[in-house]
């Protein structure tokens, strides 16, 4: 049997698959954050391991036979510093942690315009692993004995692998050269770390043998581990993204993801690009706060998180007012809105996140999409999905697959391409409402540029 594990930003999820491709069992647990604010994100390695083992036990108890393969997909950037034996000497720093702002600015200057071509990222950001490693090293000192260990690699090591990173996830670290398919010497020199600190490289789907024999009896003795890339890539693989569809994930972050073809990037000024499992490349546009901004706004306006109730308040507002818009980049205070009335503000949140996604995607994400497949917790809110379909002016279909399916496919599970989607889960744009939203989008953009110039980077409309 194959166990697929998705180490997401909100939840750690697992599913067990039989040899016929059916999902035998699944379970989910909240990611055990110790600190989770709009500036700091930390997890205890011990808490992560405990959460993982409890999840494995819960799913594995329903297995008809022992697990022969574990496939791990993960949120990107999240890592800890460990000693040469794999023992953690720091907490895990989540991708949303932005304390390395000064280091990001310095690395931006040191690595120059080649950063986008080499690493896939348009520029160096405080959220990137490379920035936070430099930040941590300055606070704590650096030794050649230290190891920079991603979240999935750490859990793989608990199961008996060596220190490895797959090329899809490594390409999001800021340390990896996509053209060379190796750690980028210029980036290593800029931070002062060596290749050994970052581990060996494998391709997504490559079976990694394990050496330890003191694992749970749930696993076979010759257990293999598969690294399945970042969670959005695994989701795209599960949804057969490479067959012409783009995916939109409404999770903690909002992500538009497409298979970009065989020619390497960059493809646009603001898009992240990287290697796609099995060949070719992807392009990704990410809004750091989508459902996280929604949940914050729900608690801020109504006292607790209840997404269906929040959507009902938004529905009452109709199409909003021209003096009230929401900017998810400013979540955390009432400065996120330009007006203050609960139902109107609730609508503005759903609309503003949709507008931000369209702005990020630029020409790639507007007018050129034949259809998008939608994933993530936000995809369960029909009113919001319809609103986004109207904003993008393209059909949006709720996918029946997810990142767990993609991780299982990368581990070798024979699962046919998704087809025969149920038409009642397909949201078609309403032309009249799309015209109204087009006017509102242009107003929202003017407010964005005038009121929040620091977050405007000249992205295409």
Protein backbone atom coordinates (compact mmCIF):
# COMPACT_ATOMS: atom_id res chain seq x y z
CA UNK A 1 0.00 0.00 0.00
CA UNK A 2 1.03 3.61 -0.60
CA UNK A 3 0.70 6.29 2.06
CA UNK A 4 0.53 9.85 0.69
CA UNK A 5 1.11 12.73 3.13
CA UNK A 6 0.46 16.41 2.39
CA UNK A 7 2.29 18.71 4.82
CA UNK A 8 0.09 21.73 4.15
CA UNK A 9 0.12 25.17 5.69
CA UNK A 10 -3.09 24.63 7.67
CA UNK A 11 -3.37 20.86 8.04
CA UNK A 12 -1.25 17.75 7.80
CA UNK A 13 -3.24 15.30 5.70
CA UNK A 14 -2.73 11.64 4.86
CA UNK A 15 -4.42 9.08 2.63
CA UNK A 16 -3.83 5.37 2.14
CA UNK A 17 -4.16 3.88 -1.34
CA UNK A 18 -4.70 0.32 -2.42
CA UNK A 19 -3.01 -1.19 -5.46
CA UNK A 20 -6.15 -0.52 -7.57
CA UNK A 21 -5.85 3.24 -7.00
CA UNK A 22 -8.71 3.56 -4.54
CA UNK A 23 -8.35 5.69 -1.42
CA UNK A 24 -8.78 3.25 1.44
CA UNK A 25 -8.55 5.70 4.34
CA UNK A 26 -7.74 9.34 5.04
CA UNK A 27 -7.26 11.64 7.99
CA UNK A 28 -6.22 15.19 8.79
CA UNK A 29 -4.73 17.03 11.76
CA UNK A 30 -4.05 20.74 12.28
CA UNK A 31 -0.42 21.72 11.71
CA UNK A 32 0.90 22.22 15.29
CA UNK A 33 2.12 25.84 15.17
CA UNK A 34 3.67 27.31 18.28
CA UNK A 35 3.69 30.81 16.80
CA UNK A 36 1.47 31.88 13.90
CA UNK A 37 1.08 35.62 13.38
CA UNK A 38 1.25 37.88 10.34
CA UNK A 39 5.04 38.19 10.92
CA UNK A 40 6.24 35.02 12.68
CA UNK A 41 5.57 31.35 11.96
CA UNK A 42 7.24 28.59 14.00
CA UNK A 43 6.67 24.91 14.67
CA UNK A 44 8.35 22.64 17.19
CA UNK A 45 10.12 19.72 15.45
CA UNK A 46 8.97 17.40 18.24
CA UNK A 47 5.35 18.49 17.77
CA UNK A 48 5.60 17.97 14.02
CA UNK A 49 6.95 14.44 14.48
CA UNK A 50 4.24 13.59 17.02
CA UNK A 51 1.52 14.94 14.71
CA UNK A 52 2.93 12.90 11.82
CA UNK A 53 3.11 9.65 13.78
CA UNK A 54 -0.42 10.04 15.15
CA UNK A 55 -1.72 10.70 11.65
CA UNK A 56 0.11 7.63 10.29
CA UNK A 57 -1.27 5.47 13.10
CA UNK A 58 -4.82 6.71 12.48
CA UNK A 59 -4.70 5.96 8.76
CA UNK A 60 -2.49 2.88 9.01
CA UNK A 61 -4.86 1.17 11.44
CA UNK A 62 -7.25 0.76 8.51
CA UNK A 63 -4.68 -0.83 6.23
CA UNK A 64 -5.31 -4.36 4.98
CA UNK A 65 -1.56 -4.88 4.66
CA UNK A 66 1.65 -3.05 5.53
CA UNK A 67 2.70 0.22 3.92
CA UNK A 68 5.51 -0.25 1.40
CA UNK A 69 5.89 3.37 0.23
CA UNK A 70 5.42 6.84 1.76
CA UNK A 71 5.09 9.84 -0.58
CA UNK A 72 5.61 13.31 0.94
CA UNK A 73 4.43 16.60 -0.55
CA UNK A 74 4.83 19.81 1.39
CA UNK A 75 4.39 23.53 1.79
CA UNK A 76 7.53 25.15 0.42
CA UNK A 77 10.23 27.14 2.26
CA UNK A 78 9.49 25.66 5.72
CA UNK A 79 12.71 24.32 7.26
CA UNK A 80 14.71 23.85 10.45
CA UNK A 81 18.43 23.89 11.14
CA UNK A 82 19.73 20.52 12.35
CA UNK A 83 23.07 19.04 13.38
CA UNK A 84 24.93 16.53 11.21
CA UNK A 85 22.97 13.66 12.79
CA UNK A 86 19.62 15.27 11.96
CA UNK A 87 18.89 16.53 15.47
CA UNK A 88 17.08 19.89 15.31
CA UNK A 89 18.86 22.95 16.72
CA UNK A 90 16.13 25.40 15.70
CA UNK A 91 12.35 25.38 15.34
CA UNK A 92 10.80 25.03 11.91
CA UNK A 93 10.40 28.45 10.34
CA UNK A 94 7.28 28.57 8.18
CA UNK A 95 7.15 30.06 4.71
CA UNK A 96 4.96 32.93 5.96
CA UNK A 97 7.61 34.13 8.44
CA UNK A 98 8.87 37.54 7.27
CA UNK A 99 11.54 38.43 9.84
CA UNK A 100 14.37 38.22 7.30
CA UNK A 101 13.45 41.46 5.53
CA UNK A 102 16.89 43.05 5.86
CA UNK A 103 18.63 39.88 4.66
CA UNK A 104 16.28 39.67 1.65
CA UNK A 105 17.22 43.20 0.63
CA UNK A 106 20.93 42.41 0.88
CA UNK A 107 20.60 39.19 -1.09
CA UNK A 108 18.54 40.95 -3.74
CA UNK A 109 21.48 43.28 -4.29
CA UNK A 110 24.11 40.51 -4.11
CA UNK A 111 22.40 38.06 -6.49
CA UNK A 112 21.16 40.62 -9.00
CA UNK A 113 18.97 40.24 -12.05
CA UNK A 114 19.98 36.61 -12.66
CA UNK A 115 17.94 35.46 -9.64
CA UNK A 116 14.72 35.01 -11.65
CA UNK A 117 16.49 33.06 -14.41
CA UNK A 118 18.41 30.85 -11.97
CA UNK A 119 15.93 30.16 -9.17
CA UNK A 120 12.50 30.81 -10.68
CA UNK A 121 11.63 33.60 -8.22
CA UNK A 122 11.21 37.15 -9.56
CA UNK A 123 13.21 38.52 -6.63
CA UNK A 124 14.44 37.60 -3.14
CA UNK A 125 11.78 37.85 -0.44
CA UNK A 126 11.83 37.61 3.37
CA UNK A 127 9.69 34.46 3.14
CA UNK A 128 12.35 32.55 1.19
CA UNK A 129 14.51 29.89 2.78
CA UNK A 130 17.69 31.62 1.56
CA UNK A 131 16.77 34.85 3.39
CA UNK A 132 15.84 33.12 6.64
CA UNK A 133 18.98 30.95 6.65
CA UNK A 134 21.11 34.10 6.45
CA UNK A 135 18.98 35.72 9.17
CA UNK A 136 19.34 32.66 11.45
CA UNK A 137 23.09 32.35 10.84
CA UNK A 138 23.64 35.96 11.84
CA UNK A 139 21.72 35.49 15.06
CA UNK A 140 23.22 32.12 16.02
CA UNK A 141 26.47 31.72 14.10
CA UNK A 142 27.05 29.11 11.41
CA UNK A 143 28.99 25.86 11.43
CA UNK A 144 29.72 23.46 8.59
CA UNK A 145 28.15 20.79 10.79
CA UNK A 146 24.71 22.42 10.46
CA UNK A 147 22.14 21.09 8.02
CA UNK A 148 19.26 23.02 6.41
CA UNK A 149 16.41 20.50 6.47
CA UNK A 150 13.03 21.01 4.79
CA UNK A 151 9.86 19.80 6.48
CA UNK A 152 9.41 16.67 4.30
CA UNK A 153 13.11 15.82 4.42
CA UNK A 154 13.05 15.96 8.23
CA UNK A 155 10.15 13.50 8.40
CA UNK A 156 11.79 11.26 5.78
CA UNK A 157 14.91 11.18 7.96
CA UNK A 158 12.76 10.06 10.90
CA UNK A 159 11.77 7.09 8.74
CA UNK A 160 15.38 6.26 7.89
CA UNK A 161 16.47 8.17 4.78
CA UNK A 162 19.54 10.34 4.39
CA UNK A 163 19.26 14.12 4.08
CA UNK A 164 17.69 14.74 0.65
CA UNK A 165 15.66 17.34 -1.20
CA UNK A 166 13.73 16.89 -4.41
CA UNK A 167 14.49 19.26 -7.28
CA UNK A 168 10.94 20.64 -7.43
CA UNK A 169 10.97 21.74 -3.79
CA UNK A 170 14.65 22.74 -3.87
CA UNK A 171 13.87 25.09 -6.76
CA UNK A 172 11.71 27.15 -4.38
CA UNK A 173 14.48 27.61 -1.80
CA UNK A 174 16.48 30.36 -3.53
CA UNK A 175 19.59 28.14 -3.35
CA UNK A 176 18.93 26.03 -6.46
CA UNK A 177 19.87 26.72 -10.09
CA UNK A 178 17.12 25.42 -12.36
CA UNK A 179 19.24 25.63 -15.57
CA UNK A 180 22.10 23.69 -13.92
CA UNK A 181 19.83 21.32 -11.93
CA UNK A 182 22.18 21.78 -8.96
CA UNK A 183 22.73 23.98 -5.93
CA UNK A 184 23.66 27.47 -7.13
CA UNK A 185 27.21 28.38 -6.09
CA UNK A 186 26.62 32.14 -6.15
CA UNK A 187 23.70 31.80 -3.71
CA UNK A 188 25.65 29.47 -1.43
CA UNK A 189 28.55 31.94 -1.33
CA UNK A 190 26.23 34.87 -0.61
CA UNK A 191 24.89 33.13 2.50
CA UNK A 192 28.09 31.32 3.48
CA UNK A 193 26.82 27.72 3.41
CA UNK A 194 28.05 24.66 1.52
CA UNK A 195 26.25 22.08 -0.61
CA UNK A 196 26.56 19.50 2.15
CA UNK A 197 24.35 21.64 4.39
CA UNK A 198 21.50 21.44 1.88
CA UNK A 199 21.56 17.68 1.26
CA UNK A 200 21.54 15.43 -1.78
CA UNK A 201 19.19 16.09 -4.69
CA UNK A 202 16.63 13.64 -6.07
CA UNK A 203 13.91 14.04 -8.69
CA UNK A 204 10.26 13.90 -7.58
CA UNK A 205 9.05 10.32 -7.61
CA UNK A 206 12.49 8.76 -7.22
CA UNK A 207 12.29 5.99 -4.57
CA UNK A 208 14.66 6.62 -1.66
CA UNK A 209 15.61 3.54 0.39
CA UNK A 210 15.48 3.62 4.18
CA UNK A 211 18.11 2.22 6.51
CA UNK A 212 16.47 2.12 9.92
CA UNK A 213 14.67 -0.98 11.18
CA UNK A 214 13.05 0.43 14.35
CA UNK A 215 9.98 1.87 12.64
CA UNK A 216 6.36 1.06 13.40
CA UNK A 217 5.15 -2.35 12.26
CA UNK A 218 2.74 -0.47 9.99
CA UNK A 219 5.63 -0.18 7.51
CA UNK A 220 7.40 -2.93 5.59
CA UNK A 221 11.06 -3.57 6.34
CA UNK A 222 12.11 -2.38 2.87
CA UNK A 223 10.10 0.85 3.07
CA UNK A 224 10.70 3.37 0.28
CA UNK A 225 10.21 7.13 0.61
CA UNK A 226 9.21 9.34 -2.32
CA UNK A 227 9.60 13.10 -2.33
CA UNK A 228 6.64 14.56 -4.25
CA UNK A 229 7.56 18.23 -4.54
CA UNK A 230 5.64 21.22 -3.26
CA UNK A 231 1.96 20.78 -2.47
CA UNK A 232 0.77 22.87 -5.42
CA UNK A 233 2.78 20.75 -7.83
CA UNK A 234 1.35 17.59 -6.30
CA UNK A 235 -2.13 19.07 -6.63
CA UNK A 236 -1.49 19.88 -10.29
CA UNK A 237 -0.24 16.32 -10.94
CA UNK A 238 -3.34 14.93 -9.25
CA UNK A 239 -5.58 17.16 -11.38
CA UNK A 240 -3.77 16.35 -14.64
CA UNK A 241 -2.79 20.00 -14.94
CA UNK A 242 -0.43 19.19 -17.81
CA UNK A 243 -3.41 18.21 -19.97
CA UNK A 244 -4.30 21.86 -20.57
CA UNK A 245 -5.93 23.02 -17.34
CA UNK A 246 -4.68 25.52 -14.81
CA UNK A 247 -5.33 24.99 -11.12
CA UNK A 248 -6.46 27.57 -8.57
CA UNK A 249 -5.90 26.70 -4.94
CA UNK A 250 -7.87 28.64 -2.33
CA UNK A 251 -5.98 27.57 0.77
CA UNK A 252 -3.96 29.48 3.34
CA UNK A 253 -2.39 31.08 0.26
CA UNK A 254 -4.08 31.58 -3.08
CA UNK A 255 -2.16 29.99 -5.96
CA UNK A 256 -2.69 29.92 -9.71
CA UNK A 257 -0.62 27.16 -11.27
CA UNK A 258 -0.16 26.09 -14.89
CA UNK A 259 2.04 23.73 -16.88
CA UNK A 260 4.00 26.16 -19.06
CA UNK A 261 5.42 23.71 -21.61
CA UNK A 262 8.88 22.46 -22.46
CA UNK A 263 10.65 25.80 -22.83
CA UNK A 264 12.25 27.07 -19.58
CA UNK A 265 11.16 30.38 -18.03
CA UNK A 266 10.84 33.06 -16.89
CA UNK A 267 7.48 33.55 -18.59
CA UNK A 268 6.33 36.79 -16.97
CA UNK A 269 7.76 39.49 -14.76
CA UNK A 270 5.95 38.41 -11.60
CA UNK A 271 5.57 34.62 -12.02
CA UNK A 272 7.52 31.91 -10.24
CA UNK A 273 8.66 29.12 -12.56
CA UNK A 274 10.25 25.75 -11.92
CA UNK A 275 10.63 22.12 -13.04
CA UNK A 276 7.48 20.06 -13.44
CA UNK A 277 7.63 16.35 -12.54
CA UNK A 278 8.02 14.17 -15.58
CA UNK A 279 9.17 16.97 -17.86
CA UNK A 280 8.62 20.59 -18.74
CA UNK A 281 8.11 23.54 -16.44
CA UNK A 282 5.37 25.26 -14.47
CA UNK A 283 4.49 28.86 -13.70
CA UNK A 284 2.90 29.85 -10.41
CA UNK A 285 1.43 33.09 -9.08
CA UNK A 286 0.93 33.21 -5.33
CA UNK A 287 -1.10 35.44 -3.03
CA UNK A 288 0.44 34.79 0.39
CA UNK A 289 -2.84 35.33 2.26
CA UNK A 290 -6.11 34.02 0.83
CA UNK A 291 -8.07 31.86 3.28
CA UNK A 292 -5.78 33.09 6.06
CA UNK A 293 -6.96 36.65 5.29
CA UNK A 294 -10.55 35.41 5.05
CA UNK A 295 -10.36 33.69 8.45
CA UNK A 296 -8.78 36.76 10.04
CA UNK A 297 -11.49 39.02 8.58
CA UNK A 298 -14.21 36.64 9.81
CA UNK A 299 -12.86 36.74 13.34
CA UNK A 300 -12.28 40.52 13.17
CA UNK A 301 -15.83 41.26 11.94
CA UNK A 302 -17.89 38.54 13.63
CA UNK A 303 -15.83 37.20 16.56
CA UNK A 304 -14.97 33.70 15.33
CA UNK A 305 -14.33 31.73 12.14
CA UNK A 306 -17.47 30.39 10.48
CA UNK A 307 -16.99 30.53 6.71
CA UNK A 308 -20.58 29.66 5.63
CA UNK A 309 -21.91 32.41 7.93
CA UNK A 310 -19.32 34.85 6.55
CA UNK A 311 -20.38 34.07 2.97
CA UNK A 312 -24.03 34.64 3.89
CA UNK A 313 -23.16 38.12 5.21
CA UNK A 314 -21.25 38.80 1.99
CA UNK A 315 -24.20 37.62 -0.12
CA UNK A 316 -26.50 40.15 1.58
CA UNK A 317 -24.26 42.99 0.41
CA UNK A 318 -24.95 42.33 -3.27
CA UNK A 319 -22.10 43.67 -5.36
CA UNK A 320 -20.49 45.94 -2.78
CA UNK A 321 -19.99 49.68 -2.79
CA UNK A 322 -17.48 51.75 -4.70
CA UNK A 323 -16.09 53.24 -1.46
CA UNK A 324 -15.33 49.84 0.12
CA UNK A 325 -12.54 47.53 -1.04
CA UNK A 326 -10.34 44.96 0.70
CA UNK A 327 -6.59 44.41 0.27
CA UNK A 328 -5.42 41.02 1.61
CA UNK A 329 -1.79 42.22 1.74
CA UNK A 330 -2.89 44.46 4.64
CA UNK A 331 -4.70 41.85 6.69
CA UNK A 332 -4.19 42.25 10.43
CA UNK A 333 -5.93 45.59 11.03
CA UNK A 334 -8.90 47.63 9.83
CA UNK A 335 -6.49 49.30 7.37
CA UNK A 336 -7.19 46.31 5.14
CA UNK A 337 -10.49 47.93 4.15
CA UNK A 338 -11.34 51.32 2.67
CA UNK A 339 -14.77 51.32 4.36
CA UNK A 340 -16.38 49.96 7.52
CA UNK A 341 -19.75 48.17 7.43
CA UNK A 342 -19.90 44.47 8.28
CA UNK A 343 -21.85 42.96 5.37
CA UNK A 344 -20.21 45.26 2.83
CA UNK A 345 -16.78 44.46 4.30
CA UNK A 346 -17.46 40.72 4.18
CA UNK A 347 -18.28 40.97 0.48
CA UNK A 348 -15.20 43.13 -0.08
CA UNK A 349 -13.00 40.37 1.41
CA UNK A 350 -14.17 37.70 -1.04
CA UNK A 351 -13.99 40.14 -3.94
CA UNK A 352 -10.62 41.61 -2.90
CA UNK A 353 -8.93 38.22 -2.68
CA UNK A 354 -10.30 37.40 -6.15
CA UNK A 355 -9.07 40.75 -7.49
CA UNK A 356 -5.63 40.17 -5.97
CA UNK A 357 -5.38 36.77 -7.63
CA UNK A 358 -6.31 38.24 -11.00
CA UNK A 359 -3.81 41.07 -10.55
CA UNK A 360 -1.06 38.59 -9.69
CA UNK A 361 -1.82 36.36 -12.66
CA UNK A 362 -1.75 39.28 -15.08
CA UNK A 363 -2.35 38.49 -18.73
CA UNK A 364 -1.69 34.79 -18.03
CA UNK A 365 -4.65 34.55 -15.71
CA UNK A 366 -7.23 36.72 -17.48
CA UNK A 367 -8.91 36.05 -20.76
CA UNK A 368 -6.50 33.29 -21.77
CA UNK A 369 -7.81 30.52 -19.54
CA UNK A 370 -10.14 27.96 -21.08
CA UNK A 371 -10.95 26.59 -17.65
CA UNK A 372 -9.48 26.42 -14.16
CA UNK A 373 -9.74 23.56 -11.72
CA UNK A 374 -10.19 24.69 -8.13
CA UNK A 375 -8.77 23.06 -4.97
CA UNK A 376 -8.42 23.92 -1.29
CA UNK A 377 -10.74 24.77 1.58
CA UNK A 378 -12.14 27.86 -0.13
CA UNK A 379 -13.38 25.72 -3.02
CA UNK A 380 -16.21 24.51 -0.77
CA UNK A 381 -17.75 28.01 -0.73
CA UNK A 382 -19.89 28.04 -3.88
CA UNK A 383 -20.70 31.76 -3.73
CA UNK A 384 -16.99 32.61 -3.63
CA UNK A 385 -16.13 30.24 -6.47
CA UNK A 386 -18.86 31.79 -8.64
CA UNK A 387 -17.56 35.27 -7.81
CA UNK A 388 -14.04 34.29 -8.87
CA UNK A 389 -15.38 32.76 -12.09
CA UNK A 390 -17.02 36.12 -12.85
CA UNK A 391 -13.82 38.04 -11.97
CA UNK A 392 -11.67 35.87 -14.26
CA UNK A 393 -14.36 35.44 -16.90
CA UNK A 394 -13.65 31.76 -17.27
CA UNK A 395 -15.30 28.50 -16.18
CA UNK A 396 -14.10 27.06 -12.86
CA UNK A 397 -14.63 23.41 -12.00
CA UNK A 398 -14.30 21.80 -8.60
CA UNK A 399 -11.68 19.08 -8.96
CA UNK A 400 -12.29 15.63 -7.54
CA UNK A 401 -8.53 15.17 -7.08
CA UNK A 402 -6.02 16.80 -4.74
CA UNK A 403 -2.36 16.87 -3.70
CA UNK A 404 -2.62 13.51 -1.95
CA UNK A 405 -3.65 11.92 -5.25
CA UNK A 406 -0.74 13.67 -6.95
CA UNK A 407 1.71 12.41 -4.33
CA UNK A 408 0.40 8.86 -4.78
CA UNK A 409 0.73 9.14 -8.58
CA UNK A 410 4.33 10.31 -8.20
CA UNK A 411 4.95 7.28 -6.00
CA UNK A 412 3.94 5.06 -8.91
CA UNK A 413 0.22 4.55 -8.34
CA UNK A 414 -1.60 3.98 -11.62
CA UNK A 415 -4.42 6.53 -11.55
CA UNK A 416 -6.00 7.58 -14.87
CA UNK A 417 -6.22 11.25 -15.83
CA UNK A 418 -9.20 12.98 -14.25
CA UNK A 419 -12.14 13.06 -16.65
CA UNK A 420 -15.92 13.07 -16.67
CA UNK A 421 -16.22 15.97 -14.24
CA UNK A 422 -19.74 16.46 -12.91
CA UNK A 423 -21.29 19.48 -14.70
CA UNK A 424 -23.14 20.69 -11.58
CA UNK A 425 -19.73 21.40 -10.01
CA UNK A 426 -18.79 23.66 -12.91
CA UNK A 427 -19.20 27.40 -12.40
CA UNK A 428 -19.75 29.49 -15.55
CA UNK A 429 -19.15 33.25 -15.60
CA UNK A 430 -22.22 35.48 -15.63
CA UNK A 431 -21.61 38.08 -18.36
CA UNK A 432 -23.65 40.88 -16.74
CA UNK A 433 -22.02 40.43 -13.35
CA UNK A 434 -18.60 40.12 -15.00
CA UNK A 435 -19.07 43.60 -16.56
CA UNK A 436 -19.89 45.11 -13.17
CA UNK A 437 -16.89 43.38 -11.61
CA UNK A 438 -14.62 44.61 -14.39
CA UNK A 439 -15.49 48.21 -13.43
CA UNK A 440 -14.98 47.43 -9.76
CA UNK A 441 -11.65 45.74 -10.49
CA UNK A 442 -10.35 48.89 -12.19
CA UNK A 443 -11.48 50.97 -9.19
CA UNK A 444 -9.85 48.48 -6.83
CA UNK A 445 -6.59 48.74 -8.80
CA UNK A 446 -6.62 52.53 -8.52
CA UNK A 447 -7.09 52.27 -4.76
CA UNK A 448 -4.31 49.68 -4.60
CA UNK A 449 -1.84 51.90 -6.42
CA UNK A 450 -2.82 55.11 -4.62
CA UNK A 451 -3.22 53.79 -1.08
CA UNK A 452 -0.75 50.89 -0.96
CA UNK A 453 2.14 51.78 -3.27
CA UNK A 454 4.56 49.53 -1.37
CA UNK A 455 2.72 46.38 -2.48
CA UNK A 456 2.32 47.42 -6.11
CA UNK A 457 5.03 45.98 -8.32
CA UNK A 458 3.83 46.99 -11.77
CA UNK A 459 2.03 43.71 -12.44
CA UNK A 460 0.02 43.45 -15.63
CA UNK A 461 -3.73 43.91 -15.37
